[in-house]
Amino acid sequence: FQSSAGYWIKIKFPYLIIPIGFSVNSTKNLNDPIYFDVYVSNNNINWTKIFVVNELVLNGEFYFDSNKNFYLYITIVITKINVNSYSTYSDYQSFIIKNLKIIIK
């Protein structure tokens, strides 16, 4: 997706939102995603990367509360999973997301 290598989840909201964070399932399981890039867009064409997680954070909650802009789309790119923290996205074949929550203002 754009400049990030990995599998991605794109969400279109029914109305404009101000995203300030997201939460995923805990990173205690072998197949849990642990590294992320977050993009936002208003038109599904022009995307802006607003957040990058490049370290293991055990609580699974990430905040970019300095964002003050409205967006209609958010994409979360999973660039690494827990099963082998030394490998990149191309080395795994599956991952598990049990819950995904977008935190808005």
C-alpha atoms as a PDB file:
ATOM      1  CA  PHE A   1       0.000   0.000   0.000  1.00  0.00           C
ATOM      2  CA  GLN A   2       1.542   3.285  -1.124  1.00  0.00           C
ATOM      3  CA  SER A   3       5.121   3.363   0.242  1.00  0.00           C
ATOM      4  CA  SER A   4       4.570   0.664   2.900  1.00  0.00           C
ATOM      5  CA  ALA A   5       5.176  -3.027   2.265  1.00  0.00           C
ATOM      6  CA  GLY A   6       2.715  -5.371   3.958  1.00  0.00           C
ATOM      7  CA  TYR A   7      -0.895  -6.436   4.194  1.00  0.00           C
ATOM      8  CA  TRP A   8      -3.437  -3.712   4.813  1.00  0.00           C
ATOM      9  CA  ILE A   9      -6.926  -3.028   6.055  1.00  0.00           C
ATOM     10  CA  LYS A  10      -8.816  -0.072   4.592  1.00  0.00           C
ATOM     11  CA  ILE A  11     -11.867   1.352   6.356  1.00  0.00           C
ATOM     12  CA  LYS A  12     -14.325   3.837   4.888  1.00  0.00           C
ATOM     13  CA  PHE A  13     -16.388   5.692   7.455  1.00  0.00           C
ATOM     14  CA  PRO A  14     -19.974   6.812   6.789  1.00  0.00           C
ATOM     15  CA  TYR A  15     -18.976  10.395   7.682  1.00  0.00           C
ATOM     16  CA  LEU A  16     -15.806  12.415   8.234  1.00  0.00           C
ATOM     17  CA  ILE A  17     -13.915  11.663  11.455  1.00  0.00           C
ATOM     18  CA  ILE A  18     -10.821  12.943  13.252  1.00  0.00           C
ATOM     19  CA  PRO A  19      -8.774   9.793  13.938  1.00  0.00           C
ATOM     20  CA  ILE A  20      -6.471  10.087  16.967  1.00  0.00           C
ATOM     21  CA  GLY A  21      -5.445   6.461  17.510  1.00  0.00           C
ATOM     22  CA  PHE A  22      -6.176   2.802  17.085  1.00  0.00           C
ATOM     23  CA  SER A  23      -6.152  -0.368  19.131  1.00  0.00           C
ATOM     24  CA  VAL A  24      -5.617  -3.984  18.056  1.00  0.00           C
ATOM     25  CA  ASN A  25      -5.614  -7.290  19.893  1.00  0.00           C
ATOM     26  CA  SER A  26      -2.734  -7.855  22.326  1.00  0.00           C
ATOM     27  CA  THR A  27       0.678  -8.736  20.928  1.00  0.00           C
ATOM     28  CA  LYS A  28       1.039 -11.841  23.082  1.00  0.00           C
ATOM     29  CA  ASN A  29       0.085 -14.409  20.434  1.00  0.00           C
ATOM     30  CA  LEU A  30       2.490 -15.705  17.802  1.00  0.00           C
ATOM     31  CA  ASN A  31       0.489 -14.420  14.835  1.00  0.00           C
ATOM     32  CA  ASP A  32      -0.415 -10.984  16.181  1.00  0.00           C
ATOM     33  CA  PRO A  33       0.581  -7.955  14.108  1.00  0.00           C
ATOM     34  CA  ILE A  34       3.165  -5.774  15.873  1.00  0.00           C
ATOM     35  CA  TYR A  35       4.422  -3.153  13.353  1.00  0.00           C
ATOM     36  CA  PHE A  36       2.028  -0.775  11.579  1.00  0.00           C
ATOM     37  CA  ASP A  37       1.876   2.188   9.201  1.00  0.00           C
ATOM     38  CA  VAL A  38      -1.290   4.310   9.269  1.00  0.00           C
ATOM     39  CA  TYR A  39      -2.588   6.302   6.283  1.00  0.00           C
ATOM     40  CA  VAL A  40      -5.606   8.618   5.952  1.00  0.00           C
ATOM     41  CA  SER A  41      -7.485  10.031   2.973  1.00  0.00           C
ATOM     42  CA  ASN A  42     -10.583  12.002   2.071  1.00  0.00           C
ATOM     43  CA  ASN A  43     -10.968  10.713  -1.490  1.00  0.00           C
ATOM     44  CA  ASN A  44      -9.438   7.190  -1.546  1.00  0.00           C
ATOM     45  CA  ILE A  45      -6.839   8.483  -4.040  1.00  0.00           C
ATOM     46  CA  ASN A  46      -4.485  10.820  -2.167  1.00  0.00           C
ATOM     47  CA  TRP A  47      -3.119   9.229   1.008  1.00  0.00           C
ATOM     48  CA  THR A  48      -1.092  10.717   3.859  1.00  0.00           C
ATOM     49  CA  LYS A  49       0.962   8.603   6.249  1.00  0.00           C
ATOM     50  CA  ILE A  50       0.224   9.932   9.738  1.00  0.00           C
ATOM     51  CA  PHE A  51       1.704   7.309  12.047  1.00  0.00           C
ATOM     52  CA  VAL A  52       4.318   4.535  12.138  1.00  0.00           C
ATOM     53  CA  VAL A  53       4.810   1.839  14.792  1.00  0.00           C
ATOM     54  CA  ASN A  54       8.243   0.234  14.412  1.00  0.00           C
ATOM     55  CA  GLU A  55       8.658  -1.284  17.841  1.00  0.00           C
ATOM     56  CA  LEU A  56       6.819  -3.889  19.872  1.00  0.00           C
ATOM     57  CA  VAL A  57       4.257  -2.240  22.151  1.00  0.00           C
ATOM     58  CA  LEU A  58       2.558  -4.805  24.390  1.00  0.00           C
ATOM     59  CA  ASN A  59      -0.651  -2.954  25.167  1.00  0.00           C
ATOM     60  CA  GLY A  60      -1.741  -2.764  21.518  1.00  0.00           C
ATOM     61  CA  GLU A  61      -2.927   0.862  21.734  1.00  0.00           C
ATOM     62  CA  PHE A  62      -1.375   3.587  19.611  1.00  0.00           C
ATOM     63  CA  TYR A  63      -2.165   7.303  19.615  1.00  0.00           C
ATOM     64  CA  PHE A  64      -1.574  10.111  17.134  1.00  0.00           C
ATOM     65  CA  ASP A  65      -3.707  12.631  19.004  1.00  0.00           C
ATOM     66  CA  SER A  66      -1.932  15.603  17.410  1.00  0.00           C
ATOM     67  CA  ASN A  67      -4.083  15.007  14.291  1.00  0.00           C
ATOM     68  CA  LYS A  68      -6.746  17.707  13.976  1.00  0.00           C
ATOM     69  CA  ASN A  69      -7.941  16.949  10.425  1.00  0.00           C
ATOM     70  CA  PHE A  70     -11.092  15.197   9.248  1.00  0.00           C
ATOM     71  CA  TYR A  71     -10.804  12.083   7.059  1.00  0.00           C
ATOM     72  CA  LEU A  72     -13.191   9.643   5.407  1.00  0.00           C
ATOM     73  CA  TYR A  73     -10.747   6.705   5.034  1.00  0.00           C
ATOM     74  CA  ILE A  74      -8.102   5.128   7.213  1.00  0.00           C
ATOM     75  CA  THR A  75      -5.736   2.340   6.185  1.00  0.00           C
ATOM     76  CA  ILE A  76      -3.628   0.335   8.609  1.00  0.00           C
ATOM     77  CA  VAL A  77      -0.719  -1.495   6.976  1.00  0.00           C
ATOM     78  CA  ILE A  78       0.640  -4.466   8.930  1.00  0.00           C
ATOM     79  CA  THR A  79       4.363  -4.558   8.217  1.00  0.00           C
ATOM     80  CA  LYS A  80       5.491  -7.189  10.734  1.00  0.00           C
ATOM     81  CA  ILE A  81       3.959  -9.874  12.963  1.00  0.00           C
ATOM     82  CA  ASN A  82       5.115 -11.347  16.259  1.00  0.00           C
ATOM     83  CA  VAL A  83       5.956 -14.863  15.034  1.00  0.00           C
ATOM     84  CA  ASN A  84       9.446 -13.818  13.959  1.00  0.00           C
ATOM     85  CA  SER A  85      10.422 -10.277  14.859  1.00  0.00           C
ATOM     86  CA  TYR A  86      13.474 -10.496  12.577  1.00  0.00           C
ATOM     87  CA  SER A  87      11.532 -11.219   9.389  1.00  0.00           C
ATOM     88  CA  THR A  88       9.603  -8.834   7.165  1.00  0.00           C
ATOM     89  CA  TYR A  89       6.098  -9.092   5.746  1.00  0.00           C
ATOM     90  CA  SER A  90       7.168 -11.375   2.896  1.00  0.00           C
ATOM     91  CA  ASP A  91       8.199 -14.142   5.309  1.00  0.00           C
ATOM     92  CA  TYR A  92       4.790 -14.785   6.880  1.00  0.00           C
ATOM     93  CA  GLN A  93       1.654 -16.228   5.405  1.00  0.00           C
ATOM     94  CA  SER A  94      -1.015 -15.420   7.970  1.00  0.00           C
ATOM     95  CA  PHE A  95      -1.800 -13.144  10.869  1.00  0.00           C
ATOM     96  CA  ILE A  96      -4.675 -12.753  13.307  1.00  0.00           C
ATOM     97  CA  ILE A  97      -6.582  -9.601  14.228  1.00  0.00           C
ATOM     98  CA  LYS A  98      -9.296 -10.306  16.763  1.00  0.00           C
ATOM     99  CA  ASN A  99     -10.310  -6.691  17.381  1.00  0.00           C
ATOM    100  CA  LEU A 100      -9.549  -3.415  15.664  1.00  0.00           C
ATOM    101  CA  LYS A 101     -10.746  -0.156  17.152  1.00  0.00           C
ATOM    102  CA  ILE A 102     -10.276   3.287  15.616  1.00  0.00           C
ATOM    103  CA  ILE A 103     -10.156   6.024  18.252  1.00  0.00           C
ATOM    104  CA  ILE A 104     -11.688   9.330  17.150  1.00  0.00           C
ATOM    105  CA  LYS A 105     -12.248  12.795  18.582  1.00  0.00           C
END
